[in-house]
Amino acid sequence: MFWLRKNVAENVNGESVAEKVANEAEGFYRSGKMHCAEAVLAAVKNEFIPEAGDELVHLASGFGGGSGAGCICGAIAGGTMAIGLAVKDRKAAAALTKELHHWFKEQYRVTCCKALTADGKKRCVEFTANTAGKVAELLQKK
């Protein structure tokens, strides 16, 4: 099922964890200070592994724009790194990563940055926010 902000359970503040993470990732991306991979990783890290240093986000710096080659979407790369950071069991992390990729392909048909941005990067903020929200949702279920 596609993660939609309006269809998630709310916490006491009226905002779900997934929505909070999605909104934070969107804000990071829109600020221009982070690209898709950095924004997803930073937002998920802040919610699920706050003790991890902010320097950790620099690990994602090479993944924006499809890692310079245009293939894997940076939002997916950032989400994959966030899952690996939050889930210590390799098999569980691999299963969640597979679920994330499957979900992304259901929603957007492909995970290739070049294909996703063939008409420009106008949807990148959507990919970033929705991927961050989906990662948060997956981690909450774990």
Protein backbone atom coordinates (compact mmCIF):
# COMPACT_ATOMS: atom_id res chain seq x y z
CA MET A 1 0.00 0.00 0.00
CA PHE A 2 1.22 3.45 -0.86
CA TRP A 3 2.19 5.45 2.16
CA LEU A 4 0.00 8.52 2.21
CA ARG A 5 0.27 11.20 4.84
CA LYS A 6 -3.48 11.47 5.25
CA ASN A 7 -3.96 7.75 5.88
CA VAL A 8 -1.64 7.17 8.86
CA ALA A 9 -2.51 6.80 12.50
CA GLU A 10 -1.87 9.94 14.51
CA ASN A 11 0.12 10.25 17.71
CA VAL A 12 -0.87 12.48 20.61
CA ASN A 13 0.35 15.57 18.76
CA GLY A 14 -1.84 14.77 15.76
CA GLU A 15 1.10 13.69 13.64
CA SER A 16 2.29 10.12 13.09
CA VAL A 17 5.95 9.19 13.32
CA ALA A 18 5.96 8.43 9.59
CA GLU A 19 4.41 11.81 8.83
CA LYS A 20 6.89 13.58 11.12
CA VAL A 21 9.82 11.89 9.37
CA ALA A 22 8.36 12.63 5.92
CA ASN A 23 7.85 16.29 6.80
CA GLU A 24 11.36 16.62 8.18
CA ALA A 25 12.89 14.98 5.10
CA GLU A 26 10.86 17.26 2.86
CA GLY A 27 12.06 20.29 4.80
CA PHE A 28 15.68 19.21 4.55
CA TYR A 29 15.32 18.71 0.80
CA ARG A 30 13.46 21.97 0.20
CA SER A 31 16.09 23.89 2.18
CA GLY A 32 18.62 23.13 -0.54
CA LYS A 33 21.14 22.08 2.12
CA MET A 34 20.56 18.37 1.51
CA HIS A 35 19.76 16.26 -1.50
CA CYS A 36 17.35 13.32 -1.48
CA ALA A 37 19.63 10.66 0.05
CA GLU A 38 20.92 12.96 2.78
CA ALA A 39 17.42 14.20 3.64
CA VAL A 40 15.95 10.70 3.99
CA LEU A 41 18.88 9.44 6.06
CA ALA A 42 18.92 12.52 8.30
CA ALA A 43 15.18 12.48 9.01
CA VAL A 44 15.08 8.74 9.79
CA LYS A 45 18.25 9.02 11.89
CA ASN A 46 16.79 11.89 13.90
CA GLU A 47 13.71 9.85 14.80
CA PHE A 48 15.08 6.34 15.23
CA ILE A 49 18.78 6.72 16.05
CA PRO A 50 19.15 10.25 17.47
CA GLU A 51 22.35 9.28 19.28
CA ALA A 52 24.08 8.76 15.94
CA GLY A 53 26.11 11.81 15.06
CA ASP A 54 25.05 14.26 12.38
CA GLU A 55 28.33 13.51 10.60
CA LEU A 56 26.76 10.19 9.66
CA VAL A 57 24.61 11.97 7.09
CA HIS A 58 27.77 12.71 5.11
CA LEU A 59 27.80 9.01 4.19
CA ALA A 60 24.91 9.79 1.85
CA SER A 61 26.60 12.71 0.09
CA GLY A 62 27.63 10.69 -2.95
CA PHE A 63 24.17 9.24 -3.56
CA GLY A 64 22.30 12.31 -4.79
CA GLY A 65 21.35 12.41 -8.45
CA GLY A 66 21.60 8.66 -8.82
CA SER A 67 25.15 8.48 -7.43
CA GLY A 68 26.37 10.69 -10.22
CA ALA A 69 25.61 7.95 -12.74
CA GLY A 70 21.85 8.41 -12.64
CA CYS A 71 20.83 4.93 -11.69
CA ILE A 72 19.54 4.29 -8.16
CA CYS A 73 17.26 6.98 -6.75
CA GLY A 74 19.02 8.79 -3.91
CA ALA A 75 15.92 8.62 -1.72
CA ILE A 76 16.05 4.82 -1.94
CA ALA A 77 19.80 4.84 -1.23
CA GLY A 78 19.26 7.05 1.83
CA GLY A 79 16.40 4.84 3.00
CA THR A 80 18.53 1.74 2.57
CA MET A 81 21.32 3.29 4.64
CA ALA A 82 18.83 4.33 7.32
CA ILE A 83 17.41 0.81 7.53
CA GLY A 84 20.91 -0.62 7.88
CA LEU A 85 21.69 1.87 10.62
CA ALA A 86 18.50 1.18 12.57
CA VAL A 87 18.26 -2.59 12.14
CA LYS A 88 21.27 -4.49 13.44
CA ASP A 89 20.25 -7.88 12.05
CA ARG A 90 21.50 -8.19 8.44
CA LYS A 91 18.72 -10.52 7.31
CA ALA A 92 16.03 -8.29 8.78
CA ALA A 93 17.65 -5.21 7.21
CA ALA A 94 17.81 -6.97 3.85
CA ALA A 95 14.13 -7.95 4.10
CA LEU A 96 13.06 -4.40 4.93
CA THR A 97 15.22 -3.02 2.12
CA LYS A 98 13.60 -5.43 -0.31
CA GLU A 99 10.18 -4.33 0.92
CA LEU A 100 11.17 -0.67 0.46
CA HIS A 101 12.34 -1.28 -3.11
CA HIS A 102 9.21 -3.27 -3.93
CA TRP A 103 7.00 -0.50 -2.53
CA PHE A 104 8.89 2.18 -4.49
CA LYS A 105 8.55 0.25 -7.75
CA GLU A 106 4.81 -0.23 -7.13
CA GLN A 107 4.41 3.51 -6.69
CA TYR A 108 6.81 4.93 -9.23
CA ARG A 109 7.44 2.02 -11.63
CA VAL A 110 11.26 2.26 -11.46
CA THR A 111 14.03 3.06 -8.98
CA CYS A 112 16.37 4.59 -11.56
CA CYS A 113 17.00 8.31 -11.02
CA LYS A 114 17.43 8.96 -14.75
CA ALA A 115 14.01 7.51 -15.51
CA LEU A 116 12.35 9.21 -12.52
CA THR A 117 13.77 12.62 -13.45
CA ALA A 118 13.53 12.39 -17.24
CA ASP A 119 11.19 15.41 -17.17
CA GLY A 120 13.11 17.27 -14.46
CA LYS A 121 13.50 17.03 -10.71
CA LYS A 122 10.11 18.48 -9.80
CA ARG A 123 8.97 15.20 -8.18
CA CYS A 124 12.15 14.63 -6.17
CA VAL A 125 10.67 16.27 -3.09
CA GLU A 126 7.75 13.80 -3.31
CA PHE A 127 10.12 10.83 -3.68
CA THR A 128 12.16 12.09 -0.73
CA ALA A 129 9.26 12.70 1.65
CA ASN A 130 7.33 9.57 0.77
CA THR A 131 10.39 7.34 0.97
CA ALA A 132 11.32 8.74 4.39
CA GLY A 133 7.76 8.15 5.58
CA LYS A 134 7.76 4.60 4.25
CA VAL A 135 11.08 3.82 5.94
CA ALA A 136 9.69 5.13 9.23
CA GLU A 137 6.59 2.99 8.76
CA LEU A 138 8.71 -0.11 8.06
CA LEU A 139 10.92 0.53 11.09
CA GLN A 140 7.90 0.97 13.34
CA LYS A 141 6.55 -2.42 12.25
CA LYS A 142 9.89 -4.09 12.99
